[in-house]
C-alpha atoms as a PDB file:
ATOM      1  CA  MET A   1     -78.773  34.526 -45.900  1.00  0.00           C
ATOM      2  CA  ARG A   2     -79.653  31.389 -47.755  1.00  0.00           C
ATOM      3  CA  ALA A   3     -77.415  29.317 -45.474  1.00  0.00           C
ATOM      4  CA  ALA A   4     -79.101  30.855 -42.457  1.00  0.00           C
ATOM      5  CA  ARG A   5     -82.466  29.802 -43.808  1.00  0.00           C
ATOM      6  CA  LEU A   6     -81.319  26.228 -44.438  1.00  0.00           C
ATOM      7  CA  LEU A   7     -79.716  25.816 -41.003  1.00  0.00           C
ATOM      8  CA  PRO A   8     -82.992  25.246 -39.086  1.00  0.00           C
ATOM      9  CA  LEU A   9     -84.130  22.772 -41.703  1.00  0.00           C
ATOM     10  CA  LEU A  10     -80.830  20.942 -41.504  1.00  0.00           C
ATOM     11  CA  ILE A  11     -81.054  20.833 -37.729  1.00  0.00           C
ATOM     12  CA  LEU A  12     -84.600  19.527 -38.027  1.00  0.00           C
ATOM     13  CA  VAL A  13     -83.534  16.804 -40.463  1.00  0.00           C
ATOM     14  CA  ILE A  14     -80.638  15.783 -38.232  1.00  0.00           C
ATOM     15  CA  GLY A  15     -82.925  15.747 -35.206  1.00  0.00           C
ATOM     16  CA  LEU A  16     -85.515  13.627 -37.029  1.00  0.00           C
ATOM     17  CA  GLY A  17     -82.796  11.251 -38.151  1.00  0.00           C
ATOM     18  CA  PHE A  18     -81.485  10.877 -34.597  1.00  0.00           C
ATOM     19  CA  TRP A  19     -85.024  10.419 -33.277  1.00  0.00           C
ATOM     20  CA  ALA A  20     -85.795   7.780 -35.894  1.00  0.00           C
ATOM     21  CA  SER A  21     -82.527   5.945 -35.200  1.00  0.00           C
ATOM     22  CA  GLN A  22     -83.533   5.591 -31.564  1.00  0.00           C
ATOM     23  CA  GLY A  23     -86.632   3.639 -32.581  1.00  0.00           C
ATOM     24  CA  PHE A  24     -84.882   0.529 -33.921  1.00  0.00           C
ATOM     25  CA  TYR A  25     -84.823  -2.539 -31.668  1.00  0.00           C
ATOM     26  CA  ASP A  26     -84.304  -6.312 -31.860  1.00  0.00           C
ATOM     27  CA  VAL A  27     -86.424  -9.114 -30.413  1.00  0.00           C
ATOM     28  CA  ALA A  28     -84.408 -12.204 -29.409  1.00  0.00           C
ATOM     29  CA  PRO A  29     -85.405 -15.669 -30.690  1.00  0.00           C
ATOM     30  CA  ASP A  30     -86.787 -16.639 -27.273  1.00  0.00           C
ATOM     31  CA  GLU A  31     -88.745 -13.405 -26.838  1.00  0.00           C
ATOM     32  CA  GLN A  32     -91.882 -11.609 -27.922  1.00  0.00           C
ATOM     33  CA  ALA A  33     -92.604  -7.923 -27.517  1.00  0.00           C
ATOM     34  CA  ILE A  34     -95.649  -5.707 -27.318  1.00  0.00           C
ATOM     35  CA  VAL A  35     -95.773  -2.084 -28.408  1.00  0.00           C
ATOM     36  CA  LEU A  36     -97.780   0.457 -26.415  1.00  0.00           C
ATOM     37  CA  ARG A  37     -98.788   3.661 -28.198  1.00  0.00           C
ATOM     38  CA  LEU A  38     -99.471   6.451 -25.725  1.00  0.00           C
ATOM     39  CA  GLY A  39     -99.867   3.789 -23.042  1.00  0.00           C
ATOM     40  CA  ARG A  40    -102.389   1.647 -24.949  1.00  0.00           C
ATOM     41  CA  TYR A  41    -101.714  -1.735 -26.561  1.00  0.00           C
ATOM     42  CA  ASP A  42    -100.974  -1.398 -30.282  1.00  0.00           C
ATOM     43  CA  ARG A  43     -99.348  -4.576 -31.552  1.00  0.00           C
ATOM     44  CA  THR A  44     -97.385  -7.750 -30.756  1.00  0.00           C
ATOM     45  CA  VAL A  45     -93.953  -8.238 -32.292  1.00  0.00           C
ATOM     46  CA  ASP A  46     -92.354 -11.651 -32.847  1.00  0.00           C
ATOM     47  CA  ALA A  47     -88.651 -12.439 -32.737  1.00  0.00           C
ATOM     48  CA  GLY A  48     -86.527 -10.672 -35.353  1.00  0.00           C
ATOM     49  CA  ARG A  49     -84.093  -7.833 -36.093  1.00  0.00           C
ATOM     50  CA  PHE A  50     -84.622  -4.197 -37.089  1.00  0.00           C
ATOM     51  CA  HIS A  51     -88.079  -3.600 -35.717  1.00  0.00           C
ATOM     52  CA  TRP A  52     -89.017   0.042 -35.282  1.00  0.00           C
ATOM     53  CA  HIS A  53     -91.237   2.055 -32.984  1.00  0.00           C
ATOM     54  CA  ALA A  54     -91.837   5.744 -32.547  1.00  0.00           C
ATOM     55  CA  PRO A  55     -89.699   6.884 -29.613  1.00  0.00           C
ATOM     56  CA  GLY A  56     -91.608   8.981 -27.130  1.00  0.00           C
ATOM     57  CA  LEU A  57     -94.952   7.923 -28.563  1.00  0.00           C
ATOM     58  CA  GLU A  58     -94.537   4.162 -28.311  1.00  0.00           C
ATOM     59  CA  THR A  59     -93.062   1.896 -25.645  1.00  0.00           C
ATOM     60  CA  VAL A  60     -91.660  -1.596 -26.267  1.00  0.00           C
ATOM     61  CA  LEU A  61     -92.044  -4.292 -23.605  1.00  0.00           C
ATOM     62  CA  LYS A  62     -90.086  -7.512 -24.191  1.00  0.00           C
ATOM     63  CA  GLN A  63     -90.702 -10.866 -22.502  1.00  0.00           C
ATOM     64  CA  ARG A  64     -89.065 -14.289 -22.764  1.00  0.00           C
ATOM     65  CA  VAL A  65     -91.759 -16.765 -23.816  1.00  0.00           C
ATOM     66  CA  THR A  66     -89.932 -20.078 -24.451  1.00  0.00           C
ATOM     67  CA  THR A  67     -88.686 -20.663 -20.904  1.00  0.00           C
ATOM     68  CA  THR A  68     -90.666 -23.087 -18.728  1.00  0.00           C
ATOM     69  CA  LEU A  69     -91.467 -21.447 -15.414  1.00  0.00           C
ATOM     70  CA  ARG A  70     -91.900 -23.420 -12.223  1.00  0.00           C
ATOM     71  CA  GLU A  71     -93.805 -22.853  -9.000  1.00  0.00           C
ATOM     72  CA  GLU A  72     -93.296 -25.137  -5.987  1.00  0.00           C
ATOM     73  CA  PHE A  73     -95.933 -25.708  -3.307  1.00  0.00           C
ATOM     74  CA  GLY A  74     -95.328 -27.246   0.112  1.00  0.00           C
ATOM     75  CA  TYR A  75     -91.570 -26.760  -0.168  1.00  0.00           C
ATOM     76  CA  ARG A  76     -88.965 -24.503  -1.781  1.00  0.00           C
ATOM     77  CA  SER A  77     -85.727 -25.639  -3.376  1.00  0.00           C
ATOM     78  CA  LYS A  78     -82.888 -23.552  -1.942  1.00  0.00           C
ATOM     79  CA  THR A  79     -81.078 -23.547  -5.304  1.00  0.00           C
ATOM     80  CA  SER A  80     -81.940 -24.904  -8.733  1.00  0.00           C
ATOM     81  CA  SER A  81     -79.147 -27.491  -8.554  1.00  0.00           C
ATOM     82  CA  SER A  82     -79.405 -28.373  -4.867  1.00  0.00           C
ATOM     83  CA  THR A  83     -81.450 -31.178  -3.363  1.00  0.00           C
ATOM     84  CA  GLU A  84     -81.914 -29.225  -0.134  1.00  0.00           C
ATOM     85  CA  VAL A  85     -85.434 -27.930   0.338  1.00  0.00           C
ATOM     86  CA  GLU A  86     -87.262 -25.709   2.766  1.00  0.00           C
ATOM     87  CA  GLU A  87     -90.548 -27.123   3.997  1.00  0.00           C
ATOM     88  CA  HIS A  88     -93.772 -25.073   4.006  1.00  0.00           C
ATOM     89  CA  PRO A  89     -96.295 -27.249   5.851  1.00  0.00           C
ATOM     90  CA  GLU A  90     -99.021 -24.593   5.734  1.00  0.00           C
ATOM     91  CA  GLU A  91     -99.271 -25.096   1.957  1.00  0.00           C
ATOM     92  CA  LYS A  92     -99.383 -28.899   1.881  1.00  0.00           C
ATOM     93  CA  ARG A  93    -102.023 -29.825   4.485  1.00  0.00           C
ATOM     94  CA  MET A  94    -105.336 -30.618   2.714  1.00  0.00           C
ATOM     95  CA  LEU A  95    -108.656 -32.319   3.488  1.00  0.00           C
ATOM     96  CA  THR A  96    -110.043 -35.190   1.404  1.00  0.00           C
ATOM     97  CA  SER A  97    -113.681 -35.998   0.684  1.00  0.00           C
ATOM     98  CA  ASP A  98    -113.736 -38.674   3.419  1.00  0.00           C
ATOM     99  CA  GLU A  99    -112.509 -36.090   5.948  1.00  0.00           C
ATOM    100  CA  ASN A 100    -108.922 -37.309   6.173  1.00  0.00           C
ATOM    101  CA  LEU A 101    -105.906 -35.022   6.265  1.00  0.00           C
ATOM    102  CA  VAL A 102    -103.183 -35.495   3.670  1.00  0.00           C
ATOM    103  CA  ASP A 103     -99.931 -33.661   2.917  1.00  0.00           C
ATOM    104  CA  VAL A 104     -99.495 -32.843  -0.769  1.00  0.00           C
ATOM    105  CA  ASP A 105     -96.336 -31.347  -2.280  1.00  0.00           C
ATOM    106  CA  PHE A 106     -96.781 -30.354  -5.913  1.00  0.00           C
ATOM    107  CA  VAL A 107     -95.168 -28.411  -8.734  1.00  0.00           C
ATOM    108  CA  VAL A 108     -96.790 -26.323 -11.480  1.00  0.00           C
ATOM    109  CA  GLN A 109     -94.887 -25.863 -14.739  1.00  0.00           C
ATOM    110  CA  TYR A 110     -96.104 -23.275 -17.231  1.00  0.00           C
ATOM    111  CA  ARG A 111     -95.106 -21.048 -20.109  1.00  0.00           C
ATOM    112  CA  ILE A 112     -96.294 -17.665 -21.326  1.00  0.00           C
ATOM    113  CA  GLY A 113     -98.987 -18.266 -23.902  1.00  0.00           C
ATOM    114  CA  ASP A 114    -100.241 -14.738 -24.605  1.00  0.00           C
ATOM    115  CA  VAL A 115     -97.604 -12.098 -23.967  1.00  0.00           C
ATOM    116  CA  ARG A 116    -100.154  -9.259 -24.182  1.00  0.00           C
ATOM    117  CA  ASP A 117    -102.340 -10.647 -21.383  1.00  0.00           C
ATOM    118  CA  TYR A 118     -99.311 -11.645 -19.326  1.00  0.00           C
ATOM    119  CA  LEU A 119     -97.743  -8.180 -19.394  1.00  0.00           C
ATOM    120  CA  LEU A 120    -100.821  -5.945 -19.305  1.00  0.00           C
ATOM    121  CA  ASN A 121    -103.505  -7.638 -17.194  1.00  0.00           C
ATOM    122  CA  PHE A 122    -101.470  -7.875 -13.970  1.00  0.00           C
ATOM    123  CA  ARG A 123     -98.734  -5.888 -12.383  1.00  0.00           C
ATOM    124  CA  PRO A 124     -95.323  -7.612 -12.245  1.00  0.00           C
ATOM    125  CA  ASP A 125     -95.621  -8.192  -8.511  1.00  0.00           C
ATOM    126  CA  GLU A 126     -99.105  -9.759  -8.960  1.00  0.00           C
ATOM    127  CA  ARG A 127     -98.454 -12.322 -11.701  1.00  0.00           C
ATOM    128  CA  GLU A 128     -96.760 -14.955  -9.558  1.00  0.00           C
ATOM    129  CA  ALA A 129     -99.241 -14.440  -6.710  1.00  0.00           C
ATOM    130  CA  VAL A 130    -102.227 -14.943  -9.041  1.00  0.00           C
ATOM    131  CA  ILE A 131    -100.793 -18.177 -10.465  1.00  0.00           C
ATOM    132  CA  ARG A 132     -99.910 -19.538  -7.009  1.00  0.00           C
ATOM    133  CA  ASP A 133    -103.283 -18.659  -5.485  1.00  0.00           C
ATOM    134  CA  ALA A 134    -105.134 -20.241  -8.417  1.00  0.00           C
ATOM    135  CA  ALA A 135    -103.007 -23.405  -8.251  1.00  0.00           C
ATOM    136  CA  ARG A 136    -103.518 -23.804  -4.499  1.00  0.00           C
ATOM    137  CA  ALA A 137    -107.267 -23.313  -4.823  1.00  0.00           C
ATOM    138  CA  VAL A 138    -107.624 -25.816  -7.675  1.00  0.00           C
ATOM    139  CA  VAL A 139    -105.482 -28.521  -6.039  1.00  0.00           C
ATOM    140  CA  ARG A 140    -107.334 -28.187  -2.738  1.00  0.00           C
ATOM    141  CA  SER A 141    -110.664 -28.387  -4.585  1.00  0.00           C
ATOM    142  CA  VAL A 142    -109.686 -31.538  -6.502  1.00  0.00           C
ATOM    143  CA  VAL A 143    -108.274 -33.232  -3.381  1.00  0.00           C
ATOM    144  CA  ALA A 144    -111.455 -32.369  -1.490  1.00  0.00           C
ATOM    145  CA  GLN A 145    -113.486 -34.183  -4.149  1.00  0.00           C
ATOM    146  CA  ASN A 146    -111.572 -37.487  -3.789  1.00  0.00           C
ATOM    147  CA  PRO A 147    -111.164 -39.973  -0.926  1.00  0.00           C
ATOM    148  CA  ILE A 148    -107.719 -40.396   0.548  1.00  0.00           C
ATOM    149  CA  ASP A 149    -107.149 -43.771  -1.162  1.00  0.00           C
ATOM    150  CA  GLN A 150    -107.703 -42.126  -4.527  1.00  0.00           C
ATOM    151  CA  VAL A 151    -105.371 -39.251  -3.673  1.00  0.00           C
ATOM    152  CA  LEU A 152    -102.614 -41.613  -2.510  1.00  0.00           C
ATOM    153  CA  THR A 153    -102.803 -44.005  -5.478  1.00  0.00           C
ATOM    154  CA  ALA A 154    -104.422 -42.360  -8.523  1.00  0.00           C
ATOM    155  CA  ARG A 155    -102.020 -39.484  -9.102  1.00  0.00           C
ATOM    156  CA  GLY A 156    -102.289 -39.579 -12.889  1.00  0.00           C
ATOM    157  CA  LEU A 157    -106.012 -38.862 -12.825  1.00  0.00           C
ATOM    158  CA  ILE A 158    -105.538 -36.035 -10.317  1.00  0.00           C
ATOM    159  CA  HIS A 159    -102.733 -34.547 -12.444  1.00  0.00           C
ATOM    160  CA  ASP A 160    -104.993 -34.338 -15.486  1.00  0.00           C
ATOM    161  CA  THR A 161    -107.957 -32.959 -13.554  1.00  0.00           C
ATOM    162  CA  VAL A 162    -105.877 -30.261 -11.818  1.00  0.00           C
ATOM    163  CA  ARG A 163    -104.167 -29.221 -15.057  1.00  0.00           C
ATOM    164  CA  GLU A 164    -107.477 -28.816 -16.905  1.00  0.00           C
ATOM    165  CA  GLN A 165    -109.150 -26.881 -14.089  1.00  0.00           C
ATOM    166  CA  LEU A 166    -106.131 -24.656 -13.448  1.00  0.00           C
ATOM    167  CA  GLN A 167    -105.869 -23.803 -17.144  1.00  0.00           C
ATOM    168  CA  ALA A 168    -109.567 -22.915 -17.221  1.00  0.00           C
ATOM    169  CA  THR A 169    -109.178 -20.707 -14.133  1.00  0.00           C
ATOM    170  CA  LEU A 170    -106.154 -18.847 -15.517  1.00  0.00           C
ATOM    171  CA  ASP A 171    -107.892 -18.384 -18.855  1.00  0.00           C
ATOM    172  CA  ALA A 172    -110.829 -16.826 -17.028  1.00  0.00           C
ATOM    173  CA  TYR A 173    -108.372 -14.447 -15.306  1.00  0.00           C
ATOM    174  CA  LYS A 174    -106.719 -13.751 -18.714  1.00  0.00           C
ATOM    175  CA  ALA A 175    -103.356 -14.439 -17.118  1.00  0.00           C
ATOM    176  CA  GLY A 176    -101.772 -15.232 -20.497  1.00  0.00           C
ATOM    177  CA  VAL A 177    -100.067 -18.471 -19.359  1.00  0.00           C
ATOM    178  CA  ARG A 178    -100.295 -22.058 -20.616  1.00  0.00           C
ATOM    179  CA  VAL A 179    -100.082 -24.785 -17.972  1.00  0.00           C
ATOM    180  CA  GLU A 180     -97.785 -27.541 -19.206  1.00  0.00           C
ATOM    181  CA  ASN A 181     -97.706 -29.944 -16.300  1.00  0.00           C
ATOM    182  CA  ILE A 182     -98.840 -30.570 -12.733  1.00  0.00           C
ATOM    183  CA  GLN A 183     -96.762 -32.978 -10.649  1.00  0.00           C
ATOM    184  CA  LEU A 184     -97.710 -34.272  -7.213  1.00  0.00           C
ATOM    185  CA  GLN A 185     -94.221 -34.688  -5.791  1.00  0.00           C
ATOM    186  CA  ASP A 186     -95.053 -36.247  -2.439  1.00  0.00           C
ATOM    187  CA  VAL A 187     -98.465 -37.344  -1.212  1.00  0.00           C
ATOM    188  CA  ALA A 188     -98.615 -38.826   2.266  1.00  0.00           C
ATOM    189  CA  ALA A 189    -100.664 -38.894   5.414  1.00  0.00           C
ATOM    190  CA  PRO A 190     -99.621 -36.507   8.203  1.00  0.00           C
ATOM    191  CA  GLU A 191     -96.622 -37.663  10.215  1.00  0.00           C
ATOM    192  CA  PRO A 192     -98.526 -38.745  13.402  1.00  0.00           C
ATOM    193  CA  VAL A 193    -100.693 -41.233  11.462  1.00  0.00           C
ATOM    194  CA  ARG A 194     -98.323 -42.090   8.593  1.00  0.00           C
ATOM    195  CA  GLU A 195     -97.379 -45.501   9.999  1.00  0.00           C
ATOM    196  CA  ALA A 196    -101.034 -46.486  10.421  1.00  0.00           C
ATOM    197  CA  PHE A 197    -101.789 -45.431   6.868  1.00  0.00           C
ATOM    198  CA  ALA A 198     -98.816 -47.450   5.664  1.00  0.00           C
ATOM    199  CA  ASP A 199    -100.274 -50.531   7.385  1.00  0.00           C
ATOM    200  CA  VAL A 200    -103.657 -49.880   5.779  1.00  0.00           C
ATOM    201  CA  THR A 201    -102.070 -49.463   2.359  1.00  0.00           C
ATOM    202  CA  SER A 202    -100.097 -52.670   2.819  1.00  0.00           C
ATOM    203  CA  ALA A 203    -103.262 -54.540   3.812  1.00  0.00           C
ATOM    204  CA  GLN A 204    -105.077 -53.176   0.761  1.00  0.00           C
ATOM    205  CA  GLN A 205    -102.236 -54.294  -1.479  1.00  0.00           C
ATOM    206  CA  ASP A 206    -102.326 -57.771   0.099  1.00  0.00           C
ATOM    207  CA  ARG A 207    -106.074 -57.896  -0.494  1.00  0.00           C
ATOM    208  CA  GLU A 208    -105.703 -56.870  -4.111  1.00  0.00           C
ATOM    209  CA  ARG A 209    -102.956 -59.435  -4.625  1.00  0.00           C
ATOM    210  CA  ALA A 210    -105.110 -62.189  -3.087  1.00  0.00           C
ATOM    211  CA  VAL A 211    -108.034 -61.177  -5.305  1.00  0.00           C
ATOM    212  CA  LEU A 212    -105.818 -61.262  -8.388  1.00  0.00           C
ATOM    213  CA  GLU A 213    -104.411 -64.678  -7.438  1.00  0.00           C
ATOM    214  CA  ALA A 214    -107.929 -66.041  -6.867  1.00  0.00           C
ATOM    215  CA  GLN A 215    -109.091 -64.602 -10.165  1.00  0.00           C
ATOM    216  CA  GLY A 216    -106.095 -66.134 -11.926  1.00  0.00           C
ATOM    217  CA  TYR A 217    -106.841 -69.545 -10.364  1.00  0.00           C
ATOM    218  CA  ALA A 218    -110.498 -69.245 -11.385  1.00  0.00           C
ATOM    219  CA  ASP A 219    -109.486 -68.271 -14.909  1.00  0.00           C
ATOM    220  CA  LYS A 220    -107.389 -71.435 -15.052  1.00  0.00           C
ATOM    221  CA  VAL A 221    -109.732 -73.934 -13.359  1.00  0.00           C
ATOM    222  CA  VAL A 222    -113.067 -72.869 -14.828  1.00  0.00           C
ATOM    223  CA  PRO A 223    -112.037 -73.353 -18.497  1.00  0.00           C
ATOM    224  CA  GLU A 224    -110.517 -76.747 -17.627  1.00  0.00           C
ATOM    225  CA  ALA A 225    -113.736 -77.846 -15.889  1.00  0.00           C
ATOM    226  CA  LYS A 226    -115.825 -76.601 -18.797  1.00  0.00           C
ATOM    227  CA  GLY A 227    -113.572 -78.496 -21.207  1.00  0.00           C
ATOM    228  CA  ARG A 228    -113.901 -81.724 -19.228  1.00  0.00           C
ATOM    229  CA  SER A 229    -117.675 -81.342 -18.957  1.00  0.00           C
ATOM    230  CA  GLU A 230    -117.969 -80.734 -22.693  1.00  0.00           C
ATOM    231  CA  GLU A 231    -115.797 -83.786 -23.336  1.00  0.00           C
ATOM    232  CA  VAL A 232    -118.041 -85.996 -21.140  1.00  0.00           C
ATOM    233  CA  VAL A 233    -121.163 -84.636 -22.842  1.00  0.00           C
ATOM    234  CA  ASN A 234    -119.667 -85.264 -26.278  1.00  0.00           C
ATOM    235  CA  LEU A 235    -118.702 -88.833 -25.316  1.00  0.00           C
ATOM    236  CA  ALA A 236    -122.214 -89.428 -24.013  1.00  0.00           C
ATOM    237  CA  HIS A 237    -123.729 -88.135 -27.255  1.00  0.00           C
ATOM    238  CA  ALA A 238    -121.367 -90.315 -29.274  1.00  0.00           C
ATOM    239  CA  TYR A 239    -122.227 -93.393 -27.186  1.00  0.00           C
ATOM    240  CA  ARG A 240    -125.935 -92.673 -27.578  1.00  0.00           C
ATOM    241  CA  GLU A 241    -125.597 -92.323 -31.350  1.00  0.00           C
ATOM    242  CA  LYS A 242    -123.575 -95.533 -31.482  1.00  0.00           C
ATOM    243  CA  ARG A 243    -126.159 -97.521 -29.482  1.00  0.00           C
ATOM    244  CA  ILE A 244    -129.011 -96.100 -31.560  1.00  0.00           C
ATOM    245  CA  LEU A 245    -127.278 -97.067 -34.800  1.00  0.00           C
ATOM    246  CA  GLU A 246    -126.504-100.555 -33.463  1.00  0.00           C
ATOM    247  CA  ALA A 247    -130.110-101.023 -32.350  1.00  0.00           C
ATOM    248  CA  GLN A 248    -131.376 -99.809 -35.711  1.00  0.00           C
ATOM    249  CA  GLY A 249    -129.039-102.221 -37.471  1.00  0.00           C
ATOM    250  CA  GLU A 250    -130.136-105.170 -35.329  1.00  0.00           C
ATOM    251  CA  THR A 251    -133.774-104.227 -35.896  1.00  0.00           C
ATOM    252  CA  ALA A 252    -133.267-104.076 -39.650  1.00  0.00           C
ATOM    253  CA  SER A 253    -131.483-107.441 -39.571  1.00  0.00           C
ATOM    254  CA  PHE A 254    -134.289-109.006 -37.543  1.00  0.00           C
ATOM    255  CA  GLN A 255    -136.903-107.574 -39.886  1.00  0.00           C
ATOM    256  CA  ALA A 256    -135.039-109.026 -42.861  1.00  0.00           C
ATOM    257  CA  VAL A 257    -134.808-112.473 -41.209  1.00  0.00           C
ATOM    258  CA  LEU A 258    -138.477-112.282 -40.216  1.00  0.00           C
ATOM    259  CA  GLY A 259    -139.459-111.584 -43.792  1.00  0.00           C
ATOM    260  CA  GLU A 260    -137.454-114.593 -45.013  1.00  0.00           C
ATOM    261  CA  TYR A 261    -138.937-116.745 -42.263  1.00  0.00           C
ATOM    262  CA  LYS A 262    -142.468-115.864 -43.275  1.00  0.00           C
ATOM    263  CA  ARG A 263    -141.739-116.821 -46.902  1.00  0.00           C
ATOM    264  CA  ALA A 264    -139.872-120.102 -46.087  1.00  0.00           C
ATOM    265  CA  PRO A 265    -140.116-121.092 -42.423  1.00  0.00           C
ATOM    266  CA  GLU A 266    -138.360-124.480 -42.635  1.00  0.00           C
ATOM    267  CA  VAL A 267    -135.452-123.282 -44.749  1.00  0.00           C
ATOM    268  CA  THR A 268    -134.941-120.218 -42.604  1.00  0.00           C
ATOM    269  CA  ARG A 269    -135.134-122.251 -39.389  1.00  0.00           C
ATOM    270  CA  GLN A 270    -132.567-124.717 -40.715  1.00  0.00           C
ATOM    271  CA  ARG A 271    -130.258-121.890 -41.849  1.00  0.00           C
ATOM    272  CA  LEU A 272    -130.461-120.159 -38.463  1.00  0.00           C
ATOM    273  CA  TYR A 273    -129.726-123.457 -36.730  1.00  0.00           C
ATOM    274  CA  LEU A 274    -126.659-124.092 -38.879  1.00  0.00           C
ATOM    275  CA  GLU A 275    -125.387-120.516 -38.473  1.00  0.00           C
ATOM    276  CA  THR A 276    -125.749-120.821 -34.721  1.00  0.00           C
ATOM    277  CA  LEU A 277    -123.794-124.079 -34.622  1.00  0.00           C
ATOM    278  CA  GLU A 278    -121.194-122.557 -36.928  1.00  0.00           C
ATOM    279  CA  ALA A 279    -120.709-119.734 -34.420  1.00  0.00           C
ATOM    280  CA  ILE A 280    -120.669-121.977 -31.314  1.00  0.00           C
ATOM    281  CA  LEU A 281    -118.849-125.168 -32.272  1.00  0.00           C
ATOM    282  CA  PRO A 282    -115.414-123.617 -33.125  1.00  0.00           C
ATOM    283  CA  LYS A 283    -115.185-122.394 -29.581  1.00  0.00           C
ATOM    284  CA  MET A 284    -115.852-125.844 -28.015  1.00  0.00           C
ATOM    285  CA  ASP A 285    -113.597-128.866 -27.346  1.00  0.00           C
ATOM    286  CA  LYS A 286    -114.999-131.772 -29.405  1.00  0.00           C
ATOM    287  CA  VAL A 287    -114.458-135.591 -29.576  1.00  0.00           C
ATOM    288  CA  ILE A 288    -115.866-137.210 -32.729  1.00  0.00           C
ATOM    289  CA  LEU A 289    -116.752-140.965 -32.568  1.00  0.00           C
ATOM    290  CA  GLU A 290    -118.044-143.138 -35.364  1.00  0.00           C
ATOM    291  CA  LYS A 291    -121.498-144.505 -35.080  1.00  0.00           C
ATOM    292  CA  GLY A 292    -121.632-147.671 -32.987  1.00  0.00           C
ATOM    293  CA  THR A 293    -118.207-147.312 -31.399  1.00  0.00           C
ATOM    294  CA  SER A 294    -119.701-145.953 -28.204  1.00  0.00           C
ATOM    295  CA  ASP A 295    -120.974-149.429 -27.388  1.00  0.00           C
ATOM    296  CA  GLN A 296    -117.524-151.026 -27.720  1.00  0.00           C
ATOM    297  CA  ILE A 297    -115.219-148.589 -25.847  1.00  0.00           C
ATOM    298  CA  LEU A 298    -115.349-146.607 -22.664  1.00  0.00           C
ATOM    299  CA  PRO A 299    -116.588-143.078 -23.360  1.00  0.00           C
ATOM    300  CA  TYR A 300    -113.768-140.539 -22.940  1.00  0.00           C
ATOM    301  CA  LEU A 301    -114.325-137.137 -21.437  1.00  0.00           C
ATOM    302  CA  PRO A 302    -111.111-134.949 -21.192  1.00  0.00           C
ATOM    303  CA  LEU A 303    -112.196-133.106 -18.077  1.00  0.00           C
ATOM    304  CA  ASN A 304    -108.669-132.111 -16.951  1.00  0.00           C
ATOM    305  CA  ARG A 305    -107.836-130.596 -20.342  1.00  0.00           C
ATOM    306  CA  ARG A 306    -111.088-128.634 -20.346  1.00  0.00           C
ATOM    307  CA  GLU A 307    -110.347-127.270 -16.843  1.00  0.00           C
ATOM    308  CA  GLY A 308    -106.830-126.225 -17.969  1.00  0.00           C
ATOM    309  CA  ALA A 309    -108.260-124.555 -21.054  1.00  0.00           C
ATOM    310  CA  HIS A 310    -110.720-122.621 -18.894  1.00  0.00           C
ATOM    311  CA  GLU A 311    -107.932-121.552 -16.489  1.00  0.00           C
ATOM    312  CA  GLY A 312    -105.796-120.408 -19.448  1.00  0.00           C
ATOM    313  CA  ALA A 313    -108.734-118.452 -20.780  1.00  0.00           C
ATOM    314  CA  LYS A 314    -109.041-116.766 -17.407  1.00  0.00           C
END
């Protein structure tokens, strides 16, 4: 009788043990999981072993979160390792702010940032469609705000703008993804006018090159001209200072001589006369005759020697 009473309890314990054993699960290193209790979100579980949930009452949803996902627009790669692509022209044709058409192929790379929002806010068949629709809308909006020259040349700025706006849009949708990169793969004018646009781009590049060359020449010539002008001005200032100092010196010398002349006119006059002769006579050819000899001999004037001396001086 006692064994009969314990049998239901034993069965219950065995059943509870089996039920509890079914609740253990692992989360891989590249995964996160969410646990739903009676269909409602309860908790998020990070990577690890021997997690447990209540079977029948709770449901575990796992999702890889470290893999970078990729969406292509304007084309589709046939395989991940193949260079062959399938064109989708309906996705790439866009209108710029200056009303020009441009073909834009681009790629969106993203990861799962919030596994709860990613798994619960959209059905599995909606997640990719939401991301693609948001990316197309944002890229078209940014392209429509820029002229075609900007779209063709300033890709880095457009990348940053699209990434920020797309992240803000997906956050508003609570899509649970983090945009890592936006790449404009190929940006070109439509095929019928591509050659004309290439000519325009080439002409713009030639213009920019000519402007840069002219600026470089100006940067070289202008400093040289300024240096020469400053040198001439400095020489003029130096010459002016020199002439002023010389004039001041001559004035001071004259004033000194004038003062001496006023005190002793005869002595000063005689001294000036002698100093003048002392400065002039060494430069002259001279013939010295004793007094009275000029009446006895023919006066001698060495004209030829003086002419030769003058020619040598020349």
